[in-house]
PDB file of N, CA and C in Angstrom:
ATOM      1  N   UNK A   1      49.831 -54.521 116.317  1.00  0.00           N
ATOM      2  CA  UNK A   1      48.979 -53.705 115.468  1.00  0.00           C
ATOM      3  C   UNK A   1      48.918 -52.298 116.049  1.00  0.00           C
ATOM      4  N   UNK A   2      49.347 -51.358 115.277  1.00  0.00           N
ATOM      5  CA  UNK A   2      49.304 -49.962 115.709  1.00  0.00           C
ATOM      6  C   UNK A   2      47.857 -49.515 115.887  1.00  0.00           C
ATOM      7  N   UNK A   3      47.618 -48.661 116.819  1.00  0.00           N
ATOM      8  CA  UNK A   3      46.268 -48.185 117.106  1.00  0.00           C
ATOM      9  C   UNK A   3      45.975 -46.840 116.454  1.00  0.00           C
ATOM     10  N   UNK A   4      46.915 -46.326 115.672  1.00  0.00           N
ATOM     11  CA  UNK A   4      46.682 -45.082 114.941  1.00  0.00           C
ATOM     12  C   UNK A   4      46.682 -45.393 113.452  1.00  0.00           C
ATOM     13  N   UNK A   5      46.007 -44.567 112.695  1.00  0.00           N
ATOM     14  CA  UNK A   5      45.955 -44.726 111.244  1.00  0.00           C
ATOM     15  C   UNK A   5      46.071 -43.353 110.617  1.00  0.00           C
ATOM     16  N   UNK A   6      46.522 -43.329 109.383  1.00  0.00           N
ATOM     17  CA  UNK A   6      46.591 -42.040 108.702  1.00  0.00           C
ATOM     18  C   UNK A   6      45.184 -41.633 108.283  1.00  0.00           C
ATOM     19  N   UNK A   7      44.940 -40.342 108.316  1.00  0.00           N
ATOM     20  CA  UNK A   7      43.635 -39.823 107.899  1.00  0.00           C
ATOM     21  C   UNK A   7      43.389 -40.156 106.430  1.00  0.00           C
ATOM     22  N   UNK A   8      44.432 -40.176 105.624  1.00  0.00           N
ATOM     23  CA  UNK A   8      44.273 -40.541 104.207  1.00  0.00           C
ATOM     24  C   UNK A   8      43.793 -41.982 104.063  1.00  0.00           C
ATOM     25  N   UNK A   9      44.328 -42.891 104.879  1.00  0.00           N
ATOM     26  CA  UNK A   9      43.893 -44.289 104.830  1.00  0.00           C
ATOM     27  C   UNK A   9      42.428 -44.410 105.247  1.00  0.00           C
ATOM     28  N   UNK A  10      42.036 -43.672 106.266  1.00  0.00           N
ATOM     29  CA  UNK A  10      40.643 -43.687 106.720  1.00  0.00           C
ATOM     30  C   UNK A  10      39.743 -43.155 105.618  1.00  0.00           C
ATOM     31  N   UNK A  11      40.123 -42.037 105.031  1.00  0.00           N
ATOM     32  CA  UNK A  11      39.335 -41.431 103.957  1.00  0.00           C
ATOM     33  C   UNK A  11      39.178 -42.399 102.791  1.00  0.00           C
ATOM     34  N   UNK A  12      40.257 -43.018 102.388  1.00  0.00           N
ATOM     35  CA  UNK A  12      40.228 -43.949 101.268  1.00  0.00           C
ATOM     36  C   UNK A  12      39.339 -45.159 101.566  1.00  0.00           C
ATOM     37  N   UNK A  13      39.507 -45.744 102.742  1.00  0.00           N
ATOM     38  CA  UNK A  13      38.746 -46.943 103.093  1.00  0.00           C
ATOM     39  C   UNK A  13      37.251 -46.667 103.190  1.00  0.00           C
ATOM     40  N   UNK A  14      36.870 -45.603 103.887  1.00  0.00           N
ATOM     41  CA  UNK A  14      35.449 -45.317 104.043  1.00  0.00           C
ATOM     42  C   UNK A  14      34.809 -44.922 102.716  1.00  0.00           C
ATOM     43  N   UNK A  15      35.563 -44.232 101.880  1.00  0.00           N
ATOM     44  CA  UNK A  15      35.049 -43.833 100.569  1.00  0.00           C
ATOM     45  C   UNK A  15      34.707 -45.040  99.699  1.00  0.00           C
ATOM     46  N   UNK A  16      35.415 -46.140  99.909  1.00  0.00           N
ATOM     47  CA  UNK A  16      35.221 -47.351  99.110  1.00  0.00           C
ATOM     48  C   UNK A  16      34.226 -48.332  99.729  1.00  0.00           C
ATOM     49  N   UNK A  17      33.723 -48.025 100.924  1.00  0.00           N
ATOM     50  CA  UNK A  17      32.915 -49.018 101.639  1.00  0.00           C
ATOM     51  C   UNK A  17      31.514 -48.538 101.973  1.00  0.00           C
ATOM     52  N   UNK A  18      30.897 -47.833 101.045  1.00  0.00           N
ATOM     53  CA  UNK A  18      29.495 -47.475 101.209  1.00  0.00           C
ATOM     54  C   UNK A  18      29.225 -46.172 101.917  1.00  0.00           C
ATOM     55  N   UNK A  19      30.253 -45.355 102.116  1.00  0.00           N
ATOM     56  CA  UNK A  19      30.072 -44.066 102.766  1.00  0.00           C
ATOM     57  C   UNK A  19      30.067 -42.948 101.724  1.00  0.00           C
ATOM     58  N   UNK A  20      29.151 -42.025 101.893  1.00  0.00           N
ATOM     59  CA  UNK A  20      29.158 -40.796 101.088  1.00  0.00           C
ATOM     60  C   UNK A  20      30.056 -39.814 101.817  1.00  0.00           C
ATOM     61  N   UNK A  21      30.954 -39.181 101.075  1.00  0.00           N
ATOM     62  CA  UNK A  21      31.915 -38.248 101.658  1.00  0.00           C
ATOM     63  C   UNK A  21      31.456 -36.833 101.376  1.00  0.00           C
ATOM     64  N   UNK A  22      31.439 -36.020 102.411  1.00  0.00           N
ATOM     65  CA  UNK A  22      31.037 -34.618 102.284  1.00  0.00           C
ATOM     66  C   UNK A  22      32.091 -33.764 102.977  1.00  0.00           C
ATOM     67  N   UNK A  23      32.672 -32.860 102.224  1.00  0.00           N
ATOM     68  CA  UNK A  23      33.697 -31.977 102.791  1.00  0.00           C
ATOM     69  C   UNK A  23      33.086 -30.616 103.055  1.00  0.00           C
ATOM     70  N   UNK A  24      33.348 -30.092 104.240  1.00  0.00           N
ATOM     71  CA  UNK A  24      32.962 -28.721 104.544  1.00  0.00           C
ATOM     72  C   UNK A  24      34.213 -27.995 105.022  1.00  0.00           C
ATOM     73  N   UNK A  25      34.072 -26.834 105.549  1.00  0.00           N
ATOM     74  CA  UNK A  25      35.221 -26.029 105.927  1.00  0.00           C
ATOM     75  C   UNK A  25      36.154 -26.668 106.929  1.00  0.00           C
ATOM     76  N   UNK A  26      35.620 -27.348 107.923  1.00  0.00           N
ATOM     77  CA  UNK A  26      36.438 -27.870 109.012  1.00  0.00           C
ATOM     78  C   UNK A  26      36.581 -29.387 109.043  1.00  0.00           C
ATOM     79  N   UNK A  27      35.625 -30.111 108.457  1.00  0.00           N
ATOM     80  CA  UNK A  27      35.601 -31.562 108.604  1.00  0.00           C
ATOM     81  C   UNK A  27      35.312 -32.269 107.286  1.00  0.00           C
ATOM     82  N   UNK A  28      35.671 -33.525 107.278  1.00  0.00           N
ATOM     83  CA  UNK A  28      35.230 -34.432 106.233  1.00  0.00           C
ATOM     84  C   UNK A  28      34.265 -35.375 106.930  1.00  0.00           C
ATOM     85  N   UNK A  29      33.037 -35.383 106.448  1.00  0.00           N
ATOM     86  CA  UNK A  29      31.988 -36.189 107.072  1.00  0.00           C
ATOM     87  C   UNK A  29      31.701 -37.403 106.202  1.00  0.00           C
ATOM     88  N   UNK A  30      31.424 -38.521 106.865  1.00  0.00           N
ATOM     89  CA  UNK A  30      31.159 -39.782 106.184  1.00  0.00           C
ATOM     90  C   UNK A  30      29.783 -40.278 106.617  1.00  0.00           C
ATOM     91  N   UNK A  31      28.903 -40.479 105.637  1.00  0.00           N
ATOM     92  CA  UNK A  31      27.542 -40.939 105.881  1.00  0.00           C
ATOM     93  C   UNK A  31      27.389 -42.311 105.246  1.00  0.00           C
ATOM     94  N   UNK A  32      27.039 -43.316 106.051  1.00  0.00           N
ATOM     95  CA  UNK A  32      26.879 -44.672 105.523  1.00  0.00           C
ATOM     96  C   UNK A  32      25.536 -44.780 104.828  1.00  0.00           C
ATOM     97  N   UNK A  33      25.570 -45.339 103.618  1.00  0.00           N
ATOM     98  CA  UNK A  33      24.370 -45.442 102.795  1.00  0.00           C
ATOM     99  C   UNK A  33      23.847 -46.871 102.782  1.00  0.00           C
ATOM    100  N   UNK A  34      22.507 -46.997 102.682  1.00  0.00           N
ATOM    101  CA  UNK A  34      21.910 -48.323 102.559  1.00  0.00           C
ATOM    102  C   UNK A  34      22.026 -48.800 101.112  1.00  0.00           C
ATOM    103  N   UNK A  35      21.461 -49.956 100.830  1.00  0.00           N
ATOM    104  CA  UNK A  35      21.549 -50.552  99.492  1.00  0.00           C
ATOM    105  C   UNK A  35      20.873 -49.700  98.420  1.00  0.00           C
ATOM    106  N   UNK A  36      20.002 -48.779  98.843  1.00  0.00           N
ATOM    107  CA  UNK A  36      19.287 -47.913  97.895  1.00  0.00           C
ATOM    108  C   UNK A  36      19.930 -46.534  97.783  1.00  0.00           C
ATOM    109  N   UNK A  37      21.064 -46.338  98.447  1.00  0.00           N
ATOM    110  CA  UNK A  37      21.764 -45.063  98.388  1.00  0.00           C
ATOM    111  C   UNK A  37      21.235 -44.012  99.333  1.00  0.00           C
ATOM    112  N   UNK A  38      20.414 -44.426 100.293  1.00  0.00           N
ATOM    113  CA  UNK A  38      19.861 -43.502 101.287  1.00  0.00           C
ATOM    114  C   UNK A  38      20.715 -43.533 102.550  1.00  0.00           C
ATOM    115  N   UNK A  39      20.811 -42.400 103.226  1.00  0.00           N
ATOM    116  CA  UNK A  39      21.575 -42.332 104.471  1.00  0.00           C
ATOM    117  C   UNK A  39      20.931 -43.198 105.542  1.00  0.00           C
ATOM    118  N   UNK A  40      21.764 -43.891 106.302  1.00  0.00           N
ATOM    119  CA  UNK A  40      21.286 -44.790 107.347  1.00  0.00           C
ATOM    120  C   UNK A  40      21.254 -44.140 108.725  1.00  0.00           C
ATOM    121  N   UNK A  41      21.867 -42.985 108.869  1.00  0.00           N
ATOM    122  CA  UNK A  41      22.002 -42.359 110.180  1.00  0.00           C
ATOM    123  C   UNK A  41      23.341 -42.686 110.823  1.00  0.00           C
ATOM    124  N   UNK A  42      24.095 -43.588 110.216  1.00  0.00           N
ATOM    125  CA  UNK A  42      25.428 -43.912 110.711  1.00  0.00           C
ATOM    126  C   UNK A  42      26.398 -42.946 110.061  1.00  0.00           C
ATOM    127  N   UNK A  43      27.137 -42.230 110.902  1.00  0.00           N
ATOM    128  CA  UNK A  43      28.043 -41.217 110.363  1.00  0.00           C
ATOM    129  C   UNK A  43      29.211 -41.006 111.303  1.00  0.00           C
ATOM    130  N   UNK A  44      30.274 -40.468 110.736  1.00  0.00           N
ATOM    131  CA  UNK A  44      31.449 -40.102 111.507  1.00  0.00           C
ATOM    132  C   UNK A  44      32.147 -38.967 110.773  1.00  0.00           C
ATOM    133  N   UNK A  45      33.211 -38.450 111.361  1.00  0.00           N
ATOM    134  CA  UNK A  45      33.927 -37.349 110.714  1.00  0.00           C
ATOM    135  C   UNK A  45      35.368 -37.330 111.184  1.00  0.00           C
ATOM    136  N   UNK A  46      36.197 -36.687 110.371  1.00  0.00           N
ATOM    137  CA  UNK A  46      37.569 -36.383 110.762  1.00  0.00           C
ATOM    138  C   UNK A  46      37.830 -34.937 110.385  1.00  0.00           C
ATOM    139  N   UNK A  47      38.831 -34.372 110.983  1.00  0.00           N
ATOM    140  CA  UNK A  47      39.185 -32.993 110.698  1.00  0.00           C
ATOM    141  C   UNK A  47      39.730 -32.874 109.281  1.00  0.00           C
ATOM    142  N   UNK A  48      39.286 -31.851 108.577  1.00  0.00           N
ATOM    143  CA  UNK A  48      39.733 -31.615 107.208  1.00  0.00           C
ATOM    144  C   UNK A  48      41.237 -31.391 107.171  1.00  0.00           C
ATOM    145  N   UNK A  49      41.781 -30.768 108.176  1.00  0.00           N
ATOM    146  CA  UNK A  49      43.204 -30.485 108.231  1.00  0.00           C
ATOM    147  C   UNK A  49      44.068 -31.679 108.577  1.00  0.00           C
ATOM    148  N   UNK A  50      43.445 -32.802 108.927  1.00  0.00           N
ATOM    149  CA  UNK A  50      44.222 -33.962 109.376  1.00  0.00           C
ATOM    150  C   UNK A  50      44.607 -34.909 108.249  1.00  0.00           C
ATOM    151  N   UNK A  51      44.238 -34.616 107.003  1.00  0.00           N
ATOM    152  CA  UNK A  51      44.497 -35.572 105.928  1.00  0.00           C
ATOM    153  C   UNK A  51      45.969 -35.938 105.782  1.00  0.00           C
ATOM    154  N   UNK A  52      46.855 -35.080 106.172  1.00  0.00           N
ATOM    155  CA  UNK A  52      48.273 -35.403 106.095  1.00  0.00           C
ATOM    156  C   UNK A  52      48.825 -35.962 107.391  1.00  0.00           C
ATOM    157  N   UNK A  53      47.970 -36.197 108.368  1.00  0.00           N
ATOM    158  CA  UNK A  53      48.422 -36.604 109.700  1.00  0.00           C
ATOM    159  C   UNK A  53      47.831 -37.951 110.094  1.00  0.00           C
ATOM    160  N   UNK A  54      48.216 -38.399 111.277  1.00  0.00           N
ATOM    161  CA  UNK A  54      47.635 -39.622 111.812  1.00  0.00           C
ATOM    162  C   UNK A  54      46.448 -39.268 112.698  1.00  0.00           C
ATOM    163  N   UNK A  55      45.536 -40.212 112.800  1.00  0.00           N
ATOM    164  CA  UNK A  55      44.361 -40.064 113.656  1.00  0.00           C
ATOM    165  C   UNK A  55      44.647 -40.857 114.923  1.00  0.00           C
ATOM    166  N   UNK A  56      44.455 -40.223 116.053  1.00  0.00           N
ATOM    167  CA  UNK A  56      44.815 -40.821 117.342  1.00  0.00           C
ATOM    168  C   UNK A  56      43.948 -42.026 117.691  1.00  0.00           C
ATOM    169  N   UNK A  57      44.471 -42.816 118.579  1.00  0.00           N
ATOM    170  CA  UNK A  57      43.758 -43.974 119.093  1.00  0.00           C
ATOM    171  C   UNK A  57      42.437 -43.556 119.737  1.00  0.00           C
ATOM    172  N   UNK A  58      42.451 -42.432 120.433  1.00  0.00           N
ATOM    173  CA  UNK A  58      41.234 -41.931 121.087  1.00  0.00           C
ATOM    174  C   UNK A  58      40.167 -41.588 120.048  1.00  0.00           C
ATOM    175  N   UNK A  59      40.551 -40.929 118.968  1.00  0.00           N
ATOM    176  CA  UNK A  59      39.577 -40.581 117.930  1.00  0.00           C
ATOM    177  C   UNK A  59      39.062 -41.832 117.228  1.00  0.00           C
ATOM    178  N   UNK A  60      39.926 -42.808 117.014  1.00  0.00           N
ATOM    179  CA  UNK A  60      39.476 -44.057 116.401  1.00  0.00           C
ATOM    180  C   UNK A  60      38.460 -44.747 117.304  1.00  0.00           C
ATOM    181  N   UNK A  61      38.642 -44.662 118.614  1.00  0.00           N
ATOM    182  CA  UNK A  61      37.659 -45.221 119.552  1.00  0.00           C
ATOM    183  C   UNK A  61      36.318 -44.506 119.428  1.00  0.00           C
ATOM    184  N   UNK A  62      36.344 -43.189 119.278  1.00  0.00           N
ATOM    185  CA  UNK A  62      35.101 -42.436 119.097  1.00  0.00           C
ATOM    186  C   UNK A  62      34.433 -42.809 117.774  1.00  0.00           C
ATOM    187  N   UNK A  63      35.219 -42.971 116.738  1.00  0.00           N
ATOM    188  CA  UNK A  63      34.672 -43.379 115.446  1.00  0.00           C
ATOM    189  C   UNK A  63      34.035 -44.762 115.554  1.00  0.00           C
ATOM    190  N   UNK A  64      34.669 -45.654 116.299  1.00  0.00           N
ATOM    191  CA  UNK A  64      34.124 -47.004 116.481  1.00  0.00           C
ATOM    192  C   UNK A  64      32.723 -46.945 117.071  1.00  0.00           C
ATOM    193  N   UNK A  65      32.557 -46.130 118.078  1.00  0.00           N
ATOM    194  CA  UNK A  65      31.241 -45.987 118.703  1.00  0.00           C
ATOM    195  C   UNK A  65      30.219 -45.456 117.697  1.00  0.00           C
ATOM    196  N   UNK A  66      30.606 -44.445 116.918  1.00  0.00           N
ATOM    197  CA  UNK A  66      29.700 -43.862 115.932  1.00  0.00           C
ATOM    198  C   UNK A  66      29.337 -44.860 114.834  1.00  0.00           C
ATOM    199  N   UNK A  67      30.261 -45.759 114.502  1.00  0.00           N
ATOM    200  CA  UNK A  67      30.036 -46.725 113.429  1.00  0.00           C
ATOM    201  C   UNK A  67      29.471 -48.049 113.938  1.00  0.00           C
ATOM    202  N   UNK A  68      29.193 -48.121 115.249  1.00  0.00           N
ATOM    203  CA  UNK A  68      28.624 -49.311 115.885  1.00  0.00           C
ATOM    204  C   UNK A  68      29.552 -50.525 115.768  1.00  0.00           C
ATOM    205  N   UNK A  69      30.838 -50.285 115.942  1.00  0.00           N
ATOM    206  CA  UNK A  69      31.843 -51.335 115.863  1.00  0.00           C
ATOM    207  C   UNK A  69      32.756 -51.250 117.073  1.00  0.00           C
ATOM    208  N   UNK A  70      33.530 -52.302 117.274  1.00  0.00           N
ATOM    209  CA  UNK A  70      34.599 -52.244 118.259  1.00  0.00           C
ATOM    210  C   UNK A  70      35.779 -51.521 117.607  1.00  0.00           C
ATOM    211  N   UNK A  71      36.715 -51.125 118.416  1.00  0.00           N
ATOM    212  CA  UNK A  71      37.903 -50.462 117.882  1.00  0.00           C
ATOM    213  C   UNK A  71      38.647 -51.401 116.933  1.00  0.00           C
ATOM    214  N   UNK A  72      38.751 -52.668 117.314  1.00  0.00           N
ATOM    215  CA  UNK A  72      39.425 -53.654 116.464  1.00  0.00           C
ATOM    216  C   UNK A  72      38.711 -53.781 115.117  1.00  0.00           C
ATOM    217  N   UNK A  73      37.377 -53.773 115.131  1.00  0.00           N
ATOM    218  CA  UNK A  73      36.619 -53.865 113.884  1.00  0.00           C
ATOM    219  C   UNK A  73      36.826 -52.632 113.005  1.00  0.00           C
ATOM    220  N   UNK A  74      36.883 -51.446 113.610  1.00  0.00           N
ATOM    221  CA  UNK A  74      37.123 -50.228 112.829  1.00  0.00           C
ATOM    222  C   UNK A  74      38.496 -50.300 112.174  1.00  0.00           C
ATOM    223  N   UNK A  75      39.482 -50.769 112.905  1.00  0.00           N
ATOM    224  CA  UNK A  75      40.811 -50.905 112.319  1.00  0.00           C
ATOM    225  C   UNK A  75      40.769 -51.878 111.145  1.00  0.00           C
ATOM    226  N   UNK A  76      39.974 -52.930 111.257  1.00  0.00           N
ATOM    227  CA  UNK A  76      39.789 -53.865 110.147  1.00  0.00           C
ATOM    228  C   UNK A  76      39.102 -53.213 108.966  1.00  0.00           C
ATOM    229  N   UNK A  77      38.118 -52.369 109.247  1.00  0.00           N
ATOM    230  CA  UNK A  77      37.421 -51.645 108.177  1.00  0.00           C
ATOM    231  C   UNK A  77      38.400 -50.715 107.454  1.00  0.00           C
ATOM    232  N   UNK A  78      39.248 -50.054 108.196  1.00  0.00           N
ATOM    233  CA  UNK A  78      40.239 -49.136 107.617  1.00  0.00           C
ATOM    234  C   UNK A  78      41.318 -49.909 106.859  1.00  0.00           C
ATOM    235  N   UNK A  79      41.765 -51.022 107.432  1.00  0.00           N
ATOM    236  CA  UNK A  79      42.852 -51.798 106.836  1.00  0.00           C
ATOM    237  C   UNK A  79      42.372 -52.743 105.738  1.00  0.00           C
ATOM    238  N   UNK A  80      41.074 -52.728 105.480  1.00  0.00           N
ATOM    239  CA  UNK A  80      40.455 -53.545 104.424  1.00  0.00           C
ATOM    240  C   UNK A  80      40.464 -55.040 104.717  1.00  0.00           C
ATOM    241  N   UNK A  81      40.559 -55.424 105.997  1.00  0.00           N
ATOM    242  CA  UNK A  81      40.339 -56.824 106.343  1.00  0.00           C
ATOM    243  C   UNK A  81      38.858 -57.069 106.594  1.00  0.00           C
ATOM    244  N   UNK A  82      38.082 -55.998 106.762  1.00  0.00           N
ATOM    245  CA  UNK A  82      36.624 -56.079 106.833  1.00  0.00           C
ATOM    246  C   UNK A  82      36.070 -55.417 105.572  1.00  0.00           C
ATOM    247  N   UNK A  83      35.262 -56.172 104.849  1.00  0.00           N
ATOM    248  CA  UNK A  83      34.670 -55.650 103.623  1.00  0.00           C
ATOM    249  C   UNK A  83      33.397 -54.874 103.936  1.00  0.00           C
ATOM    250  N   UNK A  84      32.901 -54.171 102.938  1.00  0.00           N
ATOM    251  CA  UNK A  84      31.619 -53.481 103.102  1.00  0.00           C
ATOM    252  C   UNK A  84      30.516 -54.494 103.421  1.00  0.00           C
ATOM    253  N   UNK A  85      30.533 -55.628 102.742  1.00  0.00           N
ATOM    254  CA  UNK A  85      29.530 -56.665 102.986  1.00  0.00           C
ATOM    255  C   UNK A  85      29.596 -57.158 104.439  1.00  0.00           C
ATOM    256  N   UNK A  86      30.798 -57.376 104.943  1.00  0.00           N
ATOM    257  CA  UNK A  86      30.953 -57.823 106.327  1.00  0.00           C
ATOM    258  C   UNK A  86      30.492 -56.743 107.304  1.00  0.00           C
ATOM    259  N   UNK A  87      30.753 -55.479 106.977  1.00  0.00           N
ATOM    260  CA  UNK A  87      30.288 -54.379 107.820  1.00  0.00           C
ATOM    261  C   UNK A  87      28.770 -54.375 107.872  1.00  0.00           C
ATOM    262  N   UNK A  88      28.129 -54.503 106.713  1.00  0.00           N
ATOM    263  CA  UNK A  88      26.656 -54.545 106.682  1.00  0.00           C
ATOM    264  C   UNK A  88      26.125 -55.725 107.491  1.00  0.00           C
ATOM    265  N   UNK A  89      26.761 -56.890 107.364  1.00  0.00           N
ATOM    266  CA  UNK A  89      26.337 -58.066 108.129  1.00  0.00           C
ATOM    267  C   UNK A  89      26.494 -57.842 109.630  1.00  0.00           C
ATOM    268  N   UNK A  90      27.583 -57.187 110.024  1.00  0.00           N
ATOM    269  CA  UNK A  90      27.809 -56.868 111.432  1.00  0.00           C
ATOM    270  C   UNK A  90      26.704 -55.957 111.958  1.00  0.00           C
ATOM    271  N   UNK A  91      26.344 -54.947 111.180  1.00  0.00           N
ATOM    272  CA  UNK A  91      25.277 -54.034 111.590  1.00  0.00           C
ATOM    273  C   UNK A  91      23.938 -54.762 111.682  1.00  0.00           C
ATOM    274  N   UNK A  92      23.649 -55.610 110.699  1.00  0.00           N
ATOM    275  CA  UNK A  92      22.389 -56.381 110.732  1.00  0.00           C
ATOM    276  C   UNK A  92      22.340 -57.279 111.958  1.00  0.00           C
ATOM    277  N   UNK A  93      23.501 -57.849 112.323  1.00  0.00           N
ATOM    278  CA  UNK A  93      23.585 -58.702 113.513  1.00  0.00           C
ATOM    279  C   UNK A  93      23.269 -57.939 114.792  1.00  0.00           C
ATOM    280  N   UNK A  94      23.420 -56.616 114.740  1.00  0.00           N
ATOM    281  CA  UNK A  94      23.081 -55.754 115.876  1.00  0.00           C
ATOM    282  C   UNK A  94      21.709 -55.120 115.702  1.00  0.00           C
ATOM    283  N   UNK A  95      20.944 -55.642 114.739  1.00  0.00           N
ATOM    284  CA  UNK A  95      19.582 -55.160 114.428  1.00  0.00           C
ATOM    285  C   UNK A  95      19.576 -53.695 113.990  1.00  0.00           C
ATOM    286  N   UNK A  96      20.624 -53.310 113.267  1.00  0.00           N
ATOM    287  CA  UNK A  96      20.690 -51.968 112.688  1.00  0.00           C
ATOM    288  C   UNK A  96      20.377 -52.115 111.220  1.00  0.00           C
ATOM    289  N   UNK A  97      19.306 -51.506 110.765  1.00  0.00           N
ATOM    290  CA  UNK A  97      18.852 -51.651 109.373  1.00  0.00           C
ATOM    291  C   UNK A  97      19.800 -50.936 108.429  1.00  0.00           C
ATOM    292  N   UNK A  98      20.328 -51.683 107.467  1.00  0.00           N
ATOM    293  CA  UNK A  98      21.185 -51.110 106.428  1.00  0.00           C
ATOM    294  C   UNK A  98      20.819 -51.775 105.126  1.00  0.00           C
TER     295      UNK A  98
END
């Protein structure tokens, strides 16, 4: 399993899994929303210029920490082997309200 992913794949996956996407000049920011559409405080970002590139293993590790997941779990979230429902259950299991 490769440890890098394309920024487009990350953008697509997070956009479909309960994250609000906000683009600004330098970054694309992802805010995880609760069942009522309110921000949970869980967020991450990628560089706006990276959409045509791959995201490094190091950055994926940083994203994992921000999303309260292991690196393997983040790769599952990106690759769609982890659903939004499973992500919410994982967060609840860590006593993170979503």
